[in-house]
C-alpha atoms as a PDB file:
ATOM      1  CA  MET A   1      84.402  81.936  99.538  1.00  0.00           C
ATOM      2  CA  GLU A   2      80.758  81.923  98.566  1.00  0.00           C
ATOM      3  CA  PRO A   3      79.573  84.478  96.049  1.00  0.00           C
ATOM      4  CA  SER A   4      77.582  87.232  97.688  1.00  0.00           C
ATOM      5  CA  ALA A   5      74.107  88.140  96.517  1.00  0.00           C
ATOM      6  CA  VAL A   6      72.322  91.443  96.300  1.00  0.00           C
ATOM      7  CA  LEU A   7      68.654  92.128  95.771  1.00  0.00           C
ATOM      8  CA  PHE A   8      68.128  93.865  92.444  1.00  0.00           C
ATOM      9  CA  ARG A   9      64.752  95.444  91.833  1.00  0.00           C
ATOM     10  CA  LEU A  10      63.848  96.543  88.353  1.00  0.00           C
ATOM     11  CA  ARG A  11      61.898  99.761  87.875  1.00  0.00           C
ATOM     12  CA  GLU A  12      58.285 100.006  86.764  1.00  0.00           C
ATOM     13  CA  LYS A  13      59.334 102.728  84.331  1.00  0.00           C
ATOM     14  CA  ASP A  14      62.652 103.418  82.546  1.00  0.00           C
ATOM     15  CA  THR A  15      64.491 106.395  84.039  1.00  0.00           C
ATOM     16  CA  GLY A  16      67.994 107.820  84.026  1.00  0.00           C
ATOM     17  CA  ASN A  17      68.745 105.722  87.095  1.00  0.00           C
ATOM     18  CA  GLY A  18      66.958 102.470  86.389  1.00  0.00           C
ATOM     19  CA  VAL A  19      65.381 100.221  83.779  1.00  0.00           C
ATOM     20  CA  THR A  20      62.341  97.983  83.409  1.00  0.00           C
ATOM     21  CA  ARG A  21      62.444  94.231  82.940  1.00  0.00           C
ATOM     22  CA  ASN A  22      61.562  94.731  79.279  1.00  0.00           C
ATOM     23  CA  THR A  23      64.581  97.006  78.760  1.00  0.00           C
ATOM     24  CA  LEU A  24      66.828  94.514  80.549  1.00  0.00           C
ATOM     25  CA  LYS A  25      65.576  91.723  78.262  1.00  0.00           C
ATOM     26  CA  LEU A  26      66.146  93.883  75.179  1.00  0.00           C
ATOM     27  CA  LEU A  27      69.678  94.782  76.345  1.00  0.00           C
ATOM     28  CA  ALA A  28      70.560  91.160  77.105  1.00  0.00           C
ATOM     29  CA  GLY A  29      69.268  90.144  73.672  1.00  0.00           C
ATOM     30  CA  ALA A  30      71.230  92.889  71.926  1.00  0.00           C
ATOM     31  CA  LEU A  31      74.409  91.836  73.752  1.00  0.00           C
ATOM     32  CA  GLY A  32      73.733  88.125  73.315  1.00  0.00           C
ATOM     33  CA  VAL A  33      74.103  87.435  77.022  1.00  0.00           C
ATOM     34  CA  SER A  34      71.880  86.489  79.952  1.00  0.00           C
ATOM     35  CA  GLU A  35      70.060  89.154  81.933  1.00  0.00           C
ATOM     36  CA  THR A  36      72.484  88.593  84.824  1.00  0.00           C
ATOM     37  CA  ASP A  37      75.480  89.092  82.527  1.00  0.00           C
ATOM     38  CA  ALA A  38      73.884  92.237  81.079  1.00  0.00           C
ATOM     39  CA  ILE A  39      73.613  93.643  84.617  1.00  0.00           C
ATOM     40  CA  HIS A  40      77.262  92.717  85.344  1.00  0.00           C
ATOM     41  CA  LYS A  41      78.397  94.365  82.096  1.00  0.00           C
ATOM     42  CA  ALA A  42      76.441  97.537  82.870  1.00  0.00           C
ATOM     43  CA  LEU A  43      77.987  97.715  86.341  1.00  0.00           C
ATOM     44  CA  ALA A  44      81.491  97.020  85.001  1.00  0.00           C
ATOM     45  CA  ASP A  45      81.088  99.748  82.349  1.00  0.00           C
ATOM     46  CA  SER A  46      79.881 102.174  85.010  1.00  0.00           C
ATOM     47  CA  ALA A  47      82.831 101.295  87.256  1.00  0.00           C
ATOM     48  CA  ARG A  48      85.292 102.045  84.421  1.00  0.00           C
ATOM     49  CA  VAL A  49      83.656 105.437  83.868  1.00  0.00           C
ATOM     50  CA  HIS A  50      83.267 106.553  87.482  1.00  0.00           C
ATOM     51  CA  LEU A  51      86.092 104.888  89.441  1.00  0.00           C
ATOM     52  CA  PRO A  52      89.806 105.653  89.076  1.00  0.00           C
ATOM     53  CA  GLN A  53      91.619 103.098  86.929  1.00  0.00           C
ATOM     54  CA  TYR A  54      94.990 103.771  88.563  1.00  0.00           C
ATOM     55  CA  GLU A  55      96.396 104.810  91.902  1.00  0.00           C
ATOM     56  CA  ALA A  56      96.589 108.549  92.525  1.00  0.00           C
ATOM     57  CA  ASP A  57     100.059 109.992  92.090  1.00  0.00           C
ATOM     58  CA  ASP A  58     101.920 112.185  94.567  1.00  0.00           C
ATOM     59  CA  GLY A  59     101.047 115.444  92.811  1.00  0.00           C
ATOM     60  CA  PRO A  60     103.327 117.816  90.871  1.00  0.00           C
ATOM     61  CA  LEU A  61     107.005 117.025  90.469  1.00  0.00           C
ATOM     62  CA  SER A  62     109.445 118.820  92.730  1.00  0.00           C
ATOM     63  CA  ASP A  63     112.335 120.926  91.429  1.00  0.00           C
ATOM     64  CA  ALA A  64     114.695 118.092  92.414  1.00  0.00           C
ATOM     65  CA  GLN A  65     112.655 115.602  90.383  1.00  0.00           C
ATOM     66  CA  HIS A  66     112.684 117.930  87.354  1.00  0.00           C
ATOM     67  CA  ALA A  67     116.458 118.269  87.719  1.00  0.00           C
ATOM     68  CA  ALA A  68     116.865 114.473  87.910  1.00  0.00           C
ATOM     69  CA  ILE A  69     114.791 114.058  84.740  1.00  0.00           C
ATOM     70  CA  GLY A  70     116.913 116.714  82.993  1.00  0.00           C
ATOM     71  CA  THR A  71     120.092 114.908  84.020  1.00  0.00           C
ATOM     72  CA  SER A  72     118.715 111.591  82.777  1.00  0.00           C
ATOM     73  CA  VAL A  73     117.718 113.117  79.430  1.00  0.00           C
ATOM     74  CA  LYS A  74     121.162 114.670  78.992  1.00  0.00           C
ATOM     75  CA  LYS A  75     122.788 111.289  79.649  1.00  0.00           C
ATOM     76  CA  ALA A  76     120.513 109.595  77.114  1.00  0.00           C
ATOM     77  CA  HIS A  77     120.509 112.316  74.441  1.00  0.00           C
ATOM     78  CA  GLY A  78     123.790 114.148  74.850  1.00  0.00           C
ATOM     79  CA  ARG A  79     123.545 117.816  74.031  1.00  0.00           C
ATOM     80  CA  ALA A  80     119.849 117.855  73.098  1.00  0.00           C
ATOM     81  CA  ARG A  81     118.172 121.103  74.068  1.00  0.00           C
ATOM     82  CA  VAL A  82     114.581 122.317  74.300  1.00  0.00           C
ATOM     83  CA  LEU A  83     113.504 124.513  71.366  1.00  0.00           C
ATOM     84  CA  GLU A  84     109.711 124.159  71.590  1.00  0.00           C
ATOM     85  CA  SER A  85     107.391 122.948  74.355  1.00  0.00           C
ATOM     86  CA  LEU A  86     103.828 121.690  74.338  1.00  0.00           C
ATOM     87  CA  PHE A  87     103.285 123.525  77.600  1.00  0.00           C
ATOM     88  CA  ASP A  88     102.903 127.232  78.358  1.00  0.00           C
ATOM     89  CA  SER A  89     105.239 127.204  81.331  1.00  0.00           C
ATOM     90  CA  GLU A  90     108.680 126.056  82.280  1.00  0.00           C
ATOM     91  CA  PRO A  91     109.021 122.965  84.556  1.00  0.00           C
ATOM     92  CA  ASN A  92     109.525 125.200  87.605  1.00  0.00           C
ATOM     93  CA  GLY A  93     106.145 126.866  86.986  1.00  0.00           C
ATOM     94  CA  GLY A  94     107.468 130.114  85.482  1.00  0.00           C
ATOM     95  CA  PRO A  95     106.005 131.428  82.245  1.00  0.00           C
ATOM     96  CA  SER A  96     107.647 130.590  78.966  1.00  0.00           C
ATOM     97  CA  GLY A  97     107.623 133.501  76.569  1.00  0.00           C
ATOM     98  CA  GLU A  98     108.008 131.278  73.536  1.00  0.00           C
ATOM     99  CA  ARG A  99     107.318 127.794  72.267  1.00  0.00           C
ATOM    100  CA  LYS A 100     110.326 125.483  72.284  1.00  0.00           C
ATOM    101  CA  LYS A 101     111.429 122.498  70.224  1.00  0.00           C
ATOM    102  CA  VAL A 102     113.867 119.724  71.134  1.00  0.00           C
ATOM    103  CA  ARG A 103     116.612 119.109  68.619  1.00  0.00           C
ATOM    104  CA  SER A 104     119.393 116.579  68.983  1.00  0.00           C
ATOM    105  CA  PRO A 105     122.722 117.568  67.411  1.00  0.00           C
ATOM    106  CA  ALA A 106     123.341 113.926  66.473  1.00  0.00           C
ATOM    107  CA  ARG A 107     120.478 114.008  63.986  1.00  0.00           C
ATOM    108  CA  ALA A 108     121.440 115.274  60.546  1.00  0.00           C
ATOM    109  CA  ARG A 109     119.063 117.650  58.742  1.00  0.00           C
END
């Protein structure tokens, strides 16, 4: 597959949406790369900022999924129970009147 080309026109004046040839040369020099590589780096940096880096999930967990997680945690941690939570609400969306901590009975204090 042949690499595709795109016409890239530099601006006559630096703006928030474009740069002059002089700015491109300065950027390439500062990065120690060619002007073409400086353009690629700028586009790659912009892509990381503006495009999702992962696939979108399916949204909030269902009650059944929360229950399955609870079952899995109980299997892995025995009788551990929630004493303090980082969140202001319970998994089912109801308000939690107090902060909770998780303490495992197997851990000596």
